[in-house]
Amino acid sequence: MNKLVTARRSIICALAAAVAPFAAPTAHAQESRPQESRPLAAATVPVYPPIQGASVWDRFGETPPSSHHRVFSNWGYLNDWSVDIYQNPGATVVSPFGSKTSSGSPVTVQVVTVTPGCATGNLADGGWRIGLEARDDATGTVVGRADVMHVDQKPDSITVGATVGPWDRLGQTGRFRYSSCYQVNGDTGAHIHLEVINRTAYSCYVARSAGIGLSDETVVGHIGTSNSGPQQSC
């Protein structure tokens, strides 16, 4: 699939576990984030499902981004919103960021975090957490980040500092052992826990009903927006 042609990532177009078991940063940030403290991004970037092919948004209605727990922080702030996106084990996991901004400039995505996702440090408990940062190449502005959690079979090439394209494989969806960090009983519960944050102001998600099917062309949110608070729809 040619991303630039199909514009998968262009503008043209359960985890009901407690927060504590995750390997979150030790200091969680304040929710209040002054917009004037950092220059706003010049353009927005679409966010897509981090799963290639079909997937399901909030399959069981237990992880809506309006209230789903946010576990990780970036730049000293708790991430803006989160959601679980479901697909059985073995589906390819990719970057959720679009390849172009709303103004049409290219986007570069770099790996900024690679670590076991659960506080135990054991991959069998919940797989990898892979953090990605999206930069507007036209301005050099960092627009936002995403944490992609519960990744299995991560390639050796996915390391901090690596640049990834829109279809580069980060790993695959997996099924991990049942624990307080990963409360899944069957393959239909396998999912990616996605968290998103703006570099400035707040990002947003596209509201939709639980159990809705997604394609890898479905926009599920945006970074670079100027929302007034966390867990807001676009």
C-alpha atoms as a PDB file:
ATOM      1  CA  MET A   1       0.000   0.000   0.000  1.00  0.00           C
ATOM      2  CA  ASN A   2       1.515   3.352  -0.973  1.00  0.00           C
ATOM      3  CA  LYS A   3       0.939   5.835   1.741  1.00  0.00           C
ATOM      4  CA  LEU A   4       1.612   8.919  -0.276  1.00  0.00           C
ATOM      5  CA  VAL A   5      -0.794   7.735  -2.958  1.00  0.00           C
ATOM      6  CA  THR A   6      -3.574   6.566  -0.701  1.00  0.00           C
ATOM      7  CA  ALA A   7      -2.975   9.427   1.737  1.00  0.00           C
ATOM      8  CA  ARG A   8      -3.410   7.078   4.661  1.00  0.00           C
ATOM      9  CA  ARG A   9      -1.631   9.502   6.831  1.00  0.00           C
ATOM     10  CA  SER A  10      -2.293  12.702   4.943  1.00  0.00           C
ATOM     11  CA  ILE A  11      -4.801  15.428   5.356  1.00  0.00           C
ATOM     12  CA  ILE A  12      -6.420  14.748   2.042  1.00  0.00           C
ATOM     13  CA  CYS A  13      -8.555  12.485   2.991  1.00  0.00           C
ATOM     14  CA  ALA A  14      -9.771  -5.575  28.918  1.00  0.00           C
ATOM     15  CA  LEU A  15      -7.499  -2.912  29.467  1.00  0.00           C
ATOM     16  CA  ALA A  16      -9.768  -2.193  32.444  1.00  0.00           C
ATOM     17  CA  ALA A  17      -6.706  -2.454  34.667  1.00  0.00           C
ATOM     18  CA  ALA A  18      -5.800   0.006  37.358  1.00  0.00           C
ATOM     19  CA  VAL A  19      -3.399   2.761  36.474  1.00  0.00           C
ATOM     20  CA  ALA A  20      -0.800   1.773  39.066  1.00  0.00           C
ATOM     21  CA  PRO A  21       0.565  -1.412  37.420  1.00  0.00           C
ATOM     22  CA  PHE A  22       1.818   0.408  34.310  1.00  0.00           C
ATOM     23  CA  ALA A  23       5.364   1.624  33.944  1.00  0.00           C
ATOM     24  CA  ALA A  24       4.368   5.276  34.019  1.00  0.00           C
ATOM     25  CA  PRO A  25       6.852   8.045  34.751  1.00  0.00           C
ATOM     26  CA  THR A  26       7.419   8.612  38.445  1.00  0.00           C
ATOM     27  CA  ALA A  27       6.145  12.183  38.422  1.00  0.00           C
ATOM     28  CA  HIS A  28       2.800  12.793  36.800  1.00  0.00           C
ATOM     29  CA  ALA A  29       2.216  16.258  35.483  1.00  0.00           C
ATOM     30  CA  GLN A  30      -0.294  18.878  36.236  1.00  0.00           C
ATOM     31  CA  GLU A  31      -3.397  18.968  34.057  1.00  0.00           C
ATOM     32  CA  SER A  32      -3.256  22.746  33.640  1.00  0.00           C
ATOM     33  CA  ARG A  33      -1.019  23.515  30.695  1.00  0.00           C
ATOM     34  CA  PRO A  34      -0.496  27.204  29.831  1.00  0.00           C
ATOM     35  CA  GLN A  35      -0.826  27.614  26.085  1.00  0.00           C
ATOM     36  CA  GLU A  36       1.307  30.731  26.014  1.00  0.00           C
ATOM     37  CA  SER A  37       4.327  28.992  27.526  1.00  0.00           C
ATOM     38  CA  ARG A  38       5.264  27.375  24.204  1.00  0.00           C
ATOM     39  CA  PRO A  39       4.643  28.446  20.589  1.00  0.00           C
ATOM     40  CA  LEU A  40       1.707  26.710  18.966  1.00  0.00           C
ATOM     41  CA  ALA A  41       2.377  24.282  16.146  1.00  0.00           C
ATOM     42  CA  ALA A  42       1.852  25.779  12.709  1.00  0.00           C
ATOM     43  CA  ALA A  43      -0.281  22.880  11.457  1.00  0.00           C
ATOM     44  CA  THR A  44      -2.113  19.821  12.708  1.00  0.00           C
ATOM     45  CA  VAL A  45      -1.327  16.157  12.066  1.00  0.00           C
ATOM     46  CA  PRO A  46      -3.947  13.401  11.842  1.00  0.00           C
ATOM     47  CA  VAL A  47      -3.834  10.400  14.152  1.00  0.00           C
ATOM     48  CA  TYR A  48      -4.806   6.980  12.757  1.00  0.00           C
ATOM     49  CA  PRO A  49      -5.238   3.540  14.307  1.00  0.00           C
ATOM     50  CA  PRO A  50      -1.790   2.118  15.101  1.00  0.00           C
ATOM     51  CA  ILE A  51      -2.849  -1.167  13.501  1.00  0.00           C
ATOM     52  CA  GLN A  52      -2.486  -1.936   9.801  1.00  0.00           C
ATOM     53  CA  GLY A  53      -5.715  -3.154   8.250  1.00  0.00           C
ATOM     54  CA  ALA A  54      -9.003  -3.489  10.127  1.00  0.00           C
ATOM     55  CA  SER A  55      -9.401  -2.835  13.844  1.00  0.00           C
ATOM     56  CA  VAL A  56     -12.155  -2.008  16.352  1.00  0.00           C
ATOM     57  CA  TRP A  57     -12.575   1.147  18.419  1.00  0.00           C
ATOM     58  CA  ASP A  58     -13.293   0.531  22.129  1.00  0.00           C
ATOM     59  CA  ARG A  59     -14.714  -2.921  21.397  1.00  0.00           C
ATOM     60  CA  PHE A  60     -16.483  -3.507  24.713  1.00  0.00           C
ATOM     61  CA  GLY A  61     -17.427   0.087  25.532  1.00  0.00           C
ATOM     62  CA  GLU A  62     -15.091   0.189  28.518  1.00  0.00           C
ATOM     63  CA  THR A  63     -12.291   2.417  27.197  1.00  0.00           C
ATOM     64  CA  PRO A  64     -13.804   5.610  25.696  1.00  0.00           C
ATOM     65  CA  PRO A  65     -11.247   8.412  25.324  1.00  0.00           C
ATOM     66  CA  SER A  66     -13.529  10.758  27.230  1.00  0.00           C
ATOM     67  CA  SER A  67     -12.723   8.836  30.425  1.00  0.00           C
ATOM     68  CA  HIS A  68     -10.195   6.049  29.731  1.00  0.00           C
ATOM     69  CA  HIS A  69      -7.234   6.152  32.063  1.00  0.00           C
ATOM     70  CA  ARG A  70      -4.090   7.905  30.917  1.00  0.00           C
ATOM     71  CA  VAL A  71      -0.975   6.277  32.275  1.00  0.00           C
ATOM     72  CA  PHE A  72       2.030   7.917  30.646  1.00  0.00           C
ATOM     73  CA  SER A  73       3.497  11.412  30.590  1.00  0.00           C
ATOM     74  CA  ASN A  74       5.562  13.420  28.114  1.00  0.00           C
ATOM     75  CA  TRP A  75       7.351  16.749  28.659  1.00  0.00           C
ATOM     76  CA  GLY A  76       6.212  16.614  32.272  1.00  0.00           C
ATOM     77  CA  TYR A  77       2.502  16.424  31.418  1.00  0.00           C
ATOM     78  CA  LEU A  78       0.065  13.540  31.591  1.00  0.00           C
ATOM     79  CA  ASN A  79      -0.967  12.564  28.056  1.00  0.00           C
ATOM     80  CA  ASP A  80      -4.083  14.261  26.657  1.00  0.00           C
ATOM     81  CA  TRP A  81      -6.284  11.266  25.862  1.00  0.00           C
ATOM     82  CA  SER A  82      -6.196   7.502  25.437  1.00  0.00           C
ATOM     83  CA  VAL A  83      -8.222   4.691  23.907  1.00  0.00           C
ATOM     84  CA  ASP A  84      -7.967   0.936  23.343  1.00  0.00           C
ATOM     85  CA  ILE A  85      -8.049  -0.189  19.717  1.00  0.00           C
ATOM     86  CA  TYR A  86      -8.670  -3.907  19.239  1.00  0.00           C
ATOM     87  CA  GLN A  87      -7.420  -6.565  16.870  1.00  0.00           C
ATOM     88  CA  ASN A  88      -6.611 -10.235  17.402  1.00  0.00           C
ATOM     89  CA  PRO A  89      -2.971 -11.225  17.958  1.00  0.00           C
ATOM     90  CA  GLY A  90      -0.681 -11.052  14.937  1.00  0.00           C
ATOM     91  CA  ALA A  91      -1.830  -7.789  13.333  1.00  0.00           C
ATOM     92  CA  THR A  92       0.937  -5.388  12.300  1.00  0.00           C
ATOM     93  CA  VAL A  93       1.420  -2.369  14.570  1.00  0.00           C
ATOM     94  CA  VAL A  94       2.505   0.897  12.893  1.00  0.00           C
ATOM     95  CA  SER A  95       2.917   4.571  13.716  1.00  0.00           C
ATOM     96  CA  PRO A  96      -0.422   6.334  14.268  1.00  0.00           C
ATOM     97  CA  PHE A  97       0.785   9.639  12.818  1.00  0.00           C
ATOM     98  CA  GLY A  98      -0.051  10.999   9.390  1.00  0.00           C
ATOM     99  CA  SER A  99       2.645  11.547   6.785  1.00  0.00           C
ATOM    100  CA  LYS A 100       1.595  15.161   6.089  1.00  0.00           C
ATOM    101  CA  THR A 101       0.344  18.113   8.090  1.00  0.00           C
ATOM    102  CA  SER A 102      -2.847  20.014   7.382  1.00  0.00           C
ATOM    103  CA  SER A 103      -0.774  22.441   5.329  1.00  0.00           C
ATOM    104  CA  GLY A 104       0.689  19.604   3.263  1.00  0.00           C
ATOM    105  CA  SER A 105       4.230  19.543   4.615  1.00  0.00           C
ATOM    106  CA  PRO A 106       5.967  16.216   5.359  1.00  0.00           C
ATOM    107  CA  VAL A 107       5.987  14.798   8.868  1.00  0.00           C
ATOM    108  CA  THR A 108       8.966  12.983  10.384  1.00  0.00           C
ATOM    109  CA  VAL A 109       8.263  10.441  13.129  1.00  0.00           C
ATOM    110  CA  GLN A 110      11.009   9.425  15.544  1.00  0.00           C
ATOM    111  CA  VAL A 111      11.087   6.814  18.295  1.00  0.00           C
ATOM    112  CA  VAL A 112      11.550   8.476  21.698  1.00  0.00           C
ATOM    113  CA  THR A 113      10.639   5.657  24.105  1.00  0.00           C
ATOM    114  CA  VAL A 114      11.153   1.895  24.053  1.00  0.00           C
ATOM    115  CA  THR A 115      10.431   0.119  27.332  1.00  0.00           C
ATOM    116  CA  PRO A 116       8.337  -2.710  28.789  1.00  0.00           C
ATOM    117  CA  GLY A 117       4.857  -1.321  29.266  1.00  0.00           C
ATOM    118  CA  CYS A 118       4.084  -2.721  32.705  1.00  0.00           C
ATOM    119  CA  ALA A 119       5.758  -1.772  35.963  1.00  0.00           C
ATOM    120  CA  THR A 120       7.034  -5.310  36.469  1.00  0.00           C
ATOM    121  CA  GLY A 121       9.394  -4.797  33.542  1.00  0.00           C
ATOM    122  CA  ASN A 122       8.375  -8.216  32.235  1.00  0.00           C
ATOM    123  CA  LEU A 123       7.264  -8.254  28.595  1.00  0.00           C
ATOM    124  CA  ALA A 124       5.045 -11.268  29.317  1.00  0.00           C
ATOM    125  CA  ASP A 125       2.836  -8.991  31.422  1.00  0.00           C
ATOM    126  CA  GLY A 126       1.939  -6.520  28.671  1.00  0.00           C
ATOM    127  CA  GLY A 127       4.510  -6.203  25.914  1.00  0.00           C
ATOM    128  CA  TRP A 128       6.317  -3.074  24.809  1.00  0.00           C
ATOM    129  CA  ARG A 129       5.512   0.605  25.151  1.00  0.00           C
ATOM    130  CA  ILE A 130       6.815   2.492  22.106  1.00  0.00           C
ATOM    131  CA  GLY A 131       6.783   6.282  22.224  1.00  0.00           C
ATOM    132  CA  LEU A 132       6.767   8.262  18.967  1.00  0.00           C
ATOM    133  CA  GLU A 133       7.281  11.958  18.239  1.00  0.00           C
ATOM    134  CA  ALA A 134       5.907  13.770  15.171  1.00  0.00           C
ATOM    135  CA  ARG A 135       7.730  16.796  13.713  1.00  0.00           C
ATOM    136  CA  ASP A 136       6.552  19.222  11.018  1.00  0.00           C
ATOM    137  CA  ASP A 137       9.439  19.218   8.540  1.00  0.00           C
ATOM    138  CA  ALA A 138       8.495  22.613   7.107  1.00  0.00           C
ATOM    139  CA  THR A 139       8.912  24.434  10.403  1.00  0.00           C
ATOM    140  CA  GLY A 140      10.977  22.001  12.467  1.00  0.00           C
ATOM    141  CA  THR A 141       8.231  22.143  15.090  1.00  0.00           C
ATOM    142  CA  VAL A 142       7.524  19.117  17.256  1.00  0.00           C
ATOM    143  CA  VAL A 143       3.742  18.763  17.060  1.00  0.00           C
ATOM    144  CA  GLY A 144       3.021  15.899  19.457  1.00  0.00           C
ATOM    145  CA  ARG A 145       3.718  12.399  20.689  1.00  0.00           C
ATOM    146  CA  ALA A 146       1.950   9.065  20.983  1.00  0.00           C
ATOM    147  CA  ASP A 147       2.571   6.108  23.273  1.00  0.00           C
ATOM    148  CA  VAL A 148       1.711   2.772  21.671  1.00  0.00           C
ATOM    149  CA  MET A 149       1.319   0.116  24.370  1.00  0.00           C
ATOM    150  CA  HIS A 150       1.003  -3.708  24.342  1.00  0.00           C
ATOM    151  CA  VAL A 151       3.233  -4.232  21.317  1.00  0.00           C
ATOM    152  CA  ASP A 152       4.526  -7.767  20.772  1.00  0.00           C
ATOM    153  CA  GLN A 153       7.468  -8.979  18.653  1.00  0.00           C
ATOM    154  CA  LYS A 154       9.210  -5.605  18.377  1.00  0.00           C
ATOM    155  CA  PRO A 155      11.916  -5.611  15.659  1.00  0.00           C
ATOM    156  CA  ASP A 156      15.482  -4.915  16.779  1.00  0.00           C
ATOM    157  CA  SER A 157      15.503  -1.862  14.510  1.00  0.00           C
ATOM    158  CA  ILE A 158      12.896  -0.088  16.650  1.00  0.00           C
ATOM    159  CA  THR A 159      15.153   1.747  19.083  1.00  0.00           C
ATOM    160  CA  VAL A 160      15.221   5.233  20.582  1.00  0.00           C
ATOM    161  CA  GLY A 161      16.323   7.690  17.907  1.00  0.00           C
ATOM    162  CA  ALA A 162      15.126   5.592  14.966  1.00  0.00           C
ATOM    163  CA  THR A 163      13.007   7.293  12.312  1.00  0.00           C
ATOM    164  CA  VAL A 164       9.945   5.326  11.248  1.00  0.00           C
ATOM    165  CA  GLY A 165       7.790   5.638   8.167  1.00  0.00           C
ATOM    166  CA  PRO A 166       4.001   5.335   8.168  1.00  0.00           C
ATOM    167  CA  TRP A 167       4.044   1.631   7.293  1.00  0.00           C
ATOM    168  CA  ASP A 168       7.169   0.579   9.161  1.00  0.00           C
ATOM    169  CA  ARG A 169       6.457  -2.334  11.442  1.00  0.00           C
ATOM    170  CA  LEU A 170       6.714  -1.541  15.158  1.00  0.00           C
ATOM    171  CA  GLY A 171       5.696  -5.071  16.085  1.00  0.00           C
ATOM    172  CA  GLN A 172       2.354  -6.829  16.248  1.00  0.00           C
ATOM    173  CA  THR A 173      -0.691  -7.137  18.444  1.00  0.00           C
ATOM    174  CA  GLY A 174      -0.217  -9.795  21.091  1.00  0.00           C
ATOM    175  CA  ARG A 175      -1.873 -11.768  23.843  1.00  0.00           C
ATOM    176  CA  PHE A 176      -0.156 -11.517  27.178  1.00  0.00           C
ATOM    177  CA  ARG A 177      -0.678 -13.325  30.449  1.00  0.00           C
ATOM    178  CA  TYR A 178      -3.543 -12.163  32.640  1.00  0.00           C
ATOM    179  CA  SER A 179      -2.438  -9.746  35.334  1.00  0.00           C
ATOM    180  CA  SER A 180      -3.450  -6.519  37.032  1.00  0.00           C
ATOM    181  CA  CYS A 181      -1.672  -4.771  34.153  1.00  0.00           C
ATOM    182  CA  TYR A 182      -3.386  -6.738  31.395  1.00  0.00           C
ATOM    183  CA  GLN A 183      -6.864  -8.105  32.096  1.00  0.00           C
ATOM    184  CA  VAL A 184      -7.643  -9.954  28.886  1.00  0.00           C
ATOM    185  CA  ASN A 185      -9.190 -13.417  28.743  1.00  0.00           C
ATOM    186  CA  GLY A 186      -9.342 -14.157  25.003  1.00  0.00           C
ATOM    187  CA  ASP A 187      -7.974 -13.178  21.617  1.00  0.00           C
ATOM    188  CA  THR A 188     -10.864 -10.799  20.945  1.00  0.00           C
ATOM    189  CA  GLY A 189      -9.637  -8.754  23.893  1.00  0.00           C
ATOM    190  CA  ALA A 190      -6.190  -8.222  22.396  1.00  0.00           C
ATOM    191  CA  HIS A 191      -5.644  -4.525  21.802  1.00  0.00           C
ATOM    192  CA  ILE A 192      -3.269  -1.595  21.540  1.00  0.00           C
ATOM    193  CA  HIS A 193      -3.529   1.015  24.271  1.00  0.00           C
ATOM    194  CA  LEU A 194      -2.946   4.345  22.507  1.00  0.00           C
ATOM    195  CA  GLU A 195      -2.151   7.607  24.300  1.00  0.00           C
ATOM    196  CA  VAL A 196      -1.694  10.960  22.542  1.00  0.00           C
ATOM    197  CA  ILE A 197      -0.370  14.372  23.602  1.00  0.00           C
ATOM    198  CA  ASN A 198       0.265  17.770  22.010  1.00  0.00           C
ATOM    199  CA  ARG A 199       3.544  19.601  22.433  1.00  0.00           C
ATOM    200  CA  THR A 200       1.445  22.706  23.115  1.00  0.00           C
ATOM    201  CA  ALA A 201      -2.161  23.165  24.240  1.00  0.00           C
ATOM    202  CA  TYR A 202      -4.182  19.909  23.953  1.00  0.00           C
ATOM    203  CA  SER A 203      -4.857  17.386  21.207  1.00  0.00           C
ATOM    204  CA  CYS A 204      -8.248  15.840  20.470  1.00  0.00           C
ATOM    205  CA  TYR A 205      -9.920  12.565  19.501  1.00  0.00           C
ATOM    206  CA  VAL A 206     -12.705  11.945  16.982  1.00  0.00           C
ATOM    207  CA  ALA A 207     -15.762  10.817  18.944  1.00  0.00           C
ATOM    208  CA  ARG A 208     -17.471   7.618  17.811  1.00  0.00           C
ATOM    209  CA  SER A 209     -19.557   4.826  19.269  1.00  0.00           C
ATOM    210  CA  ALA A 210     -18.010   1.801  20.958  1.00  0.00           C
ATOM    211  CA  GLY A 211     -17.433  -1.234  18.779  1.00  0.00           C
ATOM    212  CA  ILE A 212     -17.123   0.710  15.518  1.00  0.00           C
ATOM    213  CA  GLY A 213     -14.878  -0.872  12.902  1.00  0.00           C
ATOM    214  CA  LEU A 214     -11.871   1.126  11.728  1.00  0.00           C
ATOM    215  CA  SER A 215      -9.567   0.923   8.736  1.00  0.00           C
ATOM    216  CA  ASP A 216      -5.988   2.139   8.701  1.00  0.00           C
ATOM    217  CA  GLU A 217      -7.316   5.192   6.826  1.00  0.00           C
ATOM    218  CA  THR A 218      -9.731   6.201   9.603  1.00  0.00           C
ATOM    219  CA  VAL A 219      -8.779   9.416  11.383  1.00  0.00           C
ATOM    220  CA  VAL A 220      -9.190   8.878  15.133  1.00  0.00           C
ATOM    221  CA  GLY A 221      -7.734  12.187  16.348  1.00  0.00           C
ATOM    222  CA  HIS A 222      -5.445  15.132  15.697  1.00  0.00           C
ATOM    223  CA  ILE A 223      -2.322  16.616  17.235  1.00  0.00           C
ATOM    224  CA  GLY A 224      -1.457  20.292  16.918  1.00  0.00           C
ATOM    225  CA  THR A 225      -4.987  21.400  17.768  1.00  0.00           C
ATOM    226  CA  SER A 226      -5.655  24.048  20.407  1.00  0.00           C
ATOM    227  CA  ASN A 227      -8.165  22.320  22.652  1.00  0.00           C
ATOM    228  CA  SER A 228      -8.600  23.840  26.080  1.00  0.00           C
ATOM    229  CA  GLY A 229      -8.186  20.666  28.126  1.00  0.00           C
ATOM    230  CA  PRO A 230      -7.543  16.921  28.110  1.00  0.00           C
ATOM    231  CA  GLN A 231      -9.932  14.206  26.903  1.00  0.00           C
ATOM    232  CA  GLN A 232     -11.773  16.502  24.508  1.00  0.00           C
ATOM    233  CA  SER A 233     -13.270  15.524  21.161  1.00  0.00           C
ATOM    234  CA  CYS A 234     -12.308  17.371  18.002  1.00  0.00           C
END
